[in-house]
């Protein structure tokens, strides 16, 4: 079997594709220059997150491509330079599209949702009850073949230990379970319909009592 070449989508393209399925993100905008970044920051408001946008950089944190808690335009200017310098030092051949500026979202529960295309079974999706930097540590995940309906999405969630936390374990705020189920269904539709997508990673996803927001999206496609 021939191995298909793969390439990461720039994050703004990944977000555009996912938004077509009704998947929600915090307020964000792409800047291609430092001056543009300062303008966009005033539009979105502080505090902000800034992160590199490049099809060649999938793990942004590893190359110094993500900065948090940015509170004024002086910091925007400095962080722009810091990110560009760090990414070029770690990945000198990377194609850089620009830098995303995004409203900083606090609180909620972090989960992870993903998808892969198995050569035998086809599109599959994954739900992780603990997201962010702890997903590999806890390995609290469940899988299904795509597409799925909401009933199956709920079963996926209940198979993870993190589900108890999402439903208000020991007085913690309850996550919007219906919104998480709907997001799982949407991701399963993406994997089923967009046959060029080989891998999809939404991590972290922040689940609040009244909504769910995707904070980071990675898509790898066959070319």
Protein backbone atom coordinates (compact mmCIF):
# COMPACT_ATOMS: atom_id res chain seq x y z
CA UNK A 1 0.00 0.00 0.00
CA UNK A 2 1.37 3.42 -0.98
CA UNK A 3 2.02 5.84 1.85
CA UNK A 4 0.19 9.12 1.33
CA UNK A 5 2.11 12.35 1.94
CA UNK A 6 0.74 14.44 4.81
CA UNK A 7 0.83 18.13 5.65
CA UNK A 8 -0.45 20.16 8.57
CA UNK A 9 -3.06 22.82 7.86
CA UNK A 10 -2.26 26.32 9.10
CA UNK A 11 -4.41 26.89 12.17
CA UNK A 12 -6.52 29.63 10.58
CA UNK A 13 -7.49 27.18 7.81
CA UNK A 14 -8.21 24.44 10.34
CA UNK A 15 -10.45 26.80 12.30
CA UNK A 16 -12.27 27.92 9.16
CA UNK A 17 -12.99 24.31 8.20
CA UNK A 18 -14.22 23.41 11.68
CA UNK A 19 -16.35 26.56 11.93
CA UNK A 20 -18.31 25.30 8.91
CA UNK A 21 -19.53 22.52 11.20
CA UNK A 22 -20.56 24.92 13.95
CA UNK A 23 -17.49 24.36 16.14
CA UNK A 24 -16.79 27.39 18.35
CA UNK A 25 -13.54 29.16 19.27
CA UNK A 26 -12.67 32.17 21.43
CA UNK A 27 -12.43 35.53 19.62
CA UNK A 28 -9.30 35.46 17.48
CA UNK A 29 -7.61 37.01 14.47
CA UNK A 30 -4.44 36.42 12.47
CA UNK A 31 -1.76 39.11 12.35
CA UNK A 32 0.93 39.12 9.66
CA UNK A 33 2.94 42.05 11.04
CA UNK A 34 3.76 43.39 14.49
CA UNK A 35 1.82 46.61 13.86
CA UNK A 36 -1.19 44.60 12.75
CA UNK A 37 -0.93 42.54 15.94
CA UNK A 38 -1.09 45.70 18.07
CA UNK A 39 -4.23 46.85 16.22
CA UNK A 40 -5.90 43.45 16.55
CA UNK A 41 -5.09 43.31 20.26
CA UNK A 42 -7.04 46.52 20.85
CA UNK A 43 -9.99 45.07 18.88
CA UNK A 44 -10.12 41.80 20.83
CA UNK A 45 -9.21 43.21 24.23
CA UNK A 46 -6.90 42.00 26.99
CA UNK A 47 -5.75 39.60 28.36
CA UNK A 48 -4.61 37.79 25.23
CA UNK A 49 -2.89 34.66 24.04
CA UNK A 50 -0.46 34.86 21.11
CA UNK A 51 0.64 31.80 19.16
CA UNK A 52 2.57 31.05 16.02
CA UNK A 53 0.73 29.97 12.87
CA UNK A 54 2.76 27.66 10.64
CA UNK A 55 1.98 24.46 8.70
CA UNK A 56 5.42 23.22 9.77
CA UNK A 57 4.97 23.76 13.52
CA UNK A 58 2.38 21.44 15.04
CA UNK A 59 3.64 21.51 18.63
CA UNK A 60 3.78 25.26 19.20
CA UNK A 61 4.71 25.17 22.88
CA UNK A 62 7.81 23.07 22.21
CA UNK A 63 9.34 25.83 20.06
CA UNK A 64 8.32 28.79 22.21
CA UNK A 65 5.44 29.59 19.90
CA UNK A 66 2.77 30.26 22.54
CA UNK A 67 2.63 33.09 25.08
CA UNK A 68 -0.12 33.68 27.65
CA UNK A 69 -1.35 36.51 29.90
CA UNK A 70 -0.55 39.41 27.54
CA UNK A 71 -2.06 42.57 29.01
CA UNK A 72 -0.96 45.61 26.95
CA UNK A 73 0.35 46.70 23.55
CA UNK A 74 3.96 46.94 24.80
CA UNK A 75 3.80 43.25 25.69
CA UNK A 76 2.22 42.45 22.31
CA UNK A 77 5.19 44.05 20.55
CA UNK A 78 7.76 42.24 22.70
CA UNK A 79 5.99 38.87 22.50
CA UNK A 80 5.81 39.17 18.70
CA UNK A 81 9.59 39.46 18.55
CA UNK A 82 10.13 36.72 21.15
CA UNK A 83 7.89 34.21 19.35
CA UNK A 84 9.39 34.89 15.92
CA UNK A 85 12.94 34.62 17.25
CA UNK A 86 12.24 31.40 19.17
CA UNK A 87 10.43 29.65 16.31
CA UNK A 88 13.12 30.57 13.78
CA UNK A 89 15.78 29.29 16.17
CA UNK A 90 14.06 25.92 16.69
CA UNK A 91 12.61 25.51 13.18
CA UNK A 92 14.73 27.63 10.82
CA UNK A 93 13.06 26.24 7.69
CA UNK A 94 9.48 26.60 8.92
CA UNK A 95 7.04 28.55 6.77
CA UNK A 96 5.50 31.18 9.06
CA UNK A 97 2.04 32.50 8.19
CA UNK A 98 1.77 34.92 11.10
CA UNK A 99 0.69 34.99 14.73
CA UNK A 100 -2.76 34.39 16.13
CA UNK A 101 -4.09 36.76 18.76
CA UNK A 102 -6.87 35.24 20.83
CA UNK A 103 -8.88 36.24 23.88
CA UNK A 104 -7.59 34.43 26.94
CA UNK A 105 -10.25 32.13 28.37
CA UNK A 106 -10.06 31.10 32.02
CA UNK A 107 -11.96 28.49 34.03
CA UNK A 108 -13.95 25.49 32.91
CA UNK A 109 -12.85 21.88 32.50
CA UNK A 110 -10.15 20.88 30.01
CA UNK A 111 -10.95 17.91 27.78
CA UNK A 112 -9.57 16.61 24.49
CA UNK A 113 -11.34 15.46 21.33
CA UNK A 114 -9.57 14.01 18.31
CA UNK A 115 -9.84 11.90 15.21
CA UNK A 116 -7.69 9.64 13.04
CA UNK A 117 -8.16 7.78 9.78
CA UNK A 118 -7.32 4.10 10.21
CA UNK A 119 -6.29 2.31 6.98
CA UNK A 120 -8.46 -0.69 7.91
CA UNK A 121 -11.36 0.67 9.99
CA UNK A 122 -11.65 4.15 8.49
CA UNK A 123 -12.42 7.34 10.44
CA UNK A 124 -12.31 7.07 14.24
CA UNK A 125 -12.82 9.65 16.98
CA UNK A 126 -11.41 9.95 20.47
CA UNK A 127 -12.65 11.60 23.67
CA UNK A 128 -10.38 12.36 26.61
CA UNK A 129 -11.85 13.20 30.00
CA UNK A 130 -8.71 15.15 30.93
CA UNK A 131 -7.19 17.50 28.36
CA UNK A 132 -4.35 19.98 28.10
CA UNK A 133 -0.87 18.93 29.18
CA UNK A 134 -2.16 16.03 31.32
CA UNK A 135 -3.78 13.93 28.59
CA UNK A 136 -0.77 11.63 28.11
CA UNK A 137 -0.20 11.34 31.85
CA UNK A 138 -3.71 10.10 32.68
CA UNK A 139 -4.48 8.25 29.41
CA UNK A 140 -8.21 8.63 30.12
CA UNK A 141 -9.65 8.16 26.63
CA UNK A 142 -12.36 6.31 24.69
CA UNK A 143 -12.76 5.63 20.96
CA UNK A 144 -15.50 5.09 18.35
CA UNK A 145 -15.79 4.63 14.61
CA UNK A 146 -17.22 7.73 12.92
CA UNK A 147 -19.87 8.97 12.43
CA UNK A 148 -21.72 8.76 15.74
CA UNK A 149 -24.97 10.11 17.20
CA UNK A 150 -25.37 11.91 20.53
CA UNK A 151 -26.39 8.75 22.38
CA UNK A 152 -23.09 7.07 21.45
CA UNK A 153 -21.21 10.26 22.27
CA UNK A 154 -22.61 10.13 25.80
CA UNK A 155 -21.49 6.51 26.15
CA UNK A 156 -17.98 7.54 25.09
CA UNK A 157 -17.87 10.20 27.76
CA UNK A 158 -19.11 7.88 30.49
CA UNK A 159 -16.31 5.40 29.71
CA UNK A 160 -13.73 7.90 30.99
CA UNK A 161 -12.86 8.61 34.61
CA UNK A 162 -12.99 12.32 33.88
CA UNK A 163 -16.73 12.15 33.24
CA UNK A 164 -17.40 12.33 36.99
CA UNK A 165 -15.49 15.61 37.17
CA UNK A 166 -17.52 17.01 34.26
CA UNK A 167 -20.77 16.24 36.07
CA UNK A 168 -19.85 18.13 39.24
CA UNK A 169 -17.69 15.75 41.30
CA UNK A 170 -17.18 17.01 44.87
CA UNK A 171 -18.83 20.34 44.24
CA UNK A 172 -16.96 21.29 41.08
CA UNK A 173 -18.96 23.26 38.48
CA UNK A 174 -20.82 21.06 36.02
CA UNK A 175 -19.76 21.17 32.36
CA UNK A 176 -22.25 21.57 29.52
CA UNK A 177 -22.61 17.84 28.78
CA UNK A 178 -25.02 18.41 25.88
CA UNK A 179 -22.56 20.79 24.22
CA UNK A 180 -19.75 18.24 24.57
CA UNK A 181 -21.94 15.52 23.03
CA UNK A 182 -22.79 17.81 20.12
CA UNK A 183 -19.11 18.63 19.62
CA UNK A 184 -18.24 14.92 19.48
CA UNK A 185 -20.94 14.40 16.85
CA UNK A 186 -19.63 17.35 14.81
CA UNK A 187 -16.06 16.03 14.94
CA UNK A 188 -17.30 12.61 13.82
CA UNK A 189 -19.02 14.29 10.86
CA UNK A 190 -15.82 16.12 9.97
CA UNK A 191 -13.83 12.88 10.00
CA UNK A 192 -16.49 11.04 8.00
CA UNK A 193 -17.00 13.72 5.33
CA UNK A 194 -13.54 15.26 4.94
CA UNK A 195 -11.73 12.21 3.64
CA UNK A 196 -8.38 13.98 3.22
CA UNK A 197 -8.09 14.54 6.98
CA UNK A 198 -5.72 11.98 8.48
CA UNK A 199 -5.49 13.41 12.00
CA UNK A 200 -7.52 15.96 13.96
CA UNK A 201 -6.62 17.19 17.43
CA UNK A 202 -8.68 19.60 19.53
CA UNK A 203 -6.65 20.10 22.70
CA UNK A 204 -7.49 21.68 24.92
CA UNK A 205 -11.23 22.04 24.68
CA UNK A 206 -12.60 24.14 27.54
CA UNK A 207 -16.01 23.03 28.84
CA UNK A 208 -18.05 25.56 30.83
CA UNK A 209 -21.51 25.20 32.43
CA UNK A 210 -23.12 26.89 29.40
CA UNK A 211 -20.81 26.32 26.41
CA UNK A 212 -17.76 24.59 24.99
CA UNK A 213 -14.83 26.35 23.30
CA UNK A 214 -11.93 24.87 21.34
CA UNK A 215 -8.69 26.59 22.32
CA UNK A 216 -6.34 24.83 19.91
CA UNK A 217 -6.97 22.90 16.69
CA UNK A 218 -4.57 20.81 14.63
CA UNK A 219 -5.46 19.10 11.34
CA UNK A 220 -3.16 16.94 9.24
CA UNK A 221 -4.31 16.17 5.70
CA UNK A 222 -3.11 13.87 2.95
CA UNK A 223 -1.81 15.71 -0.11
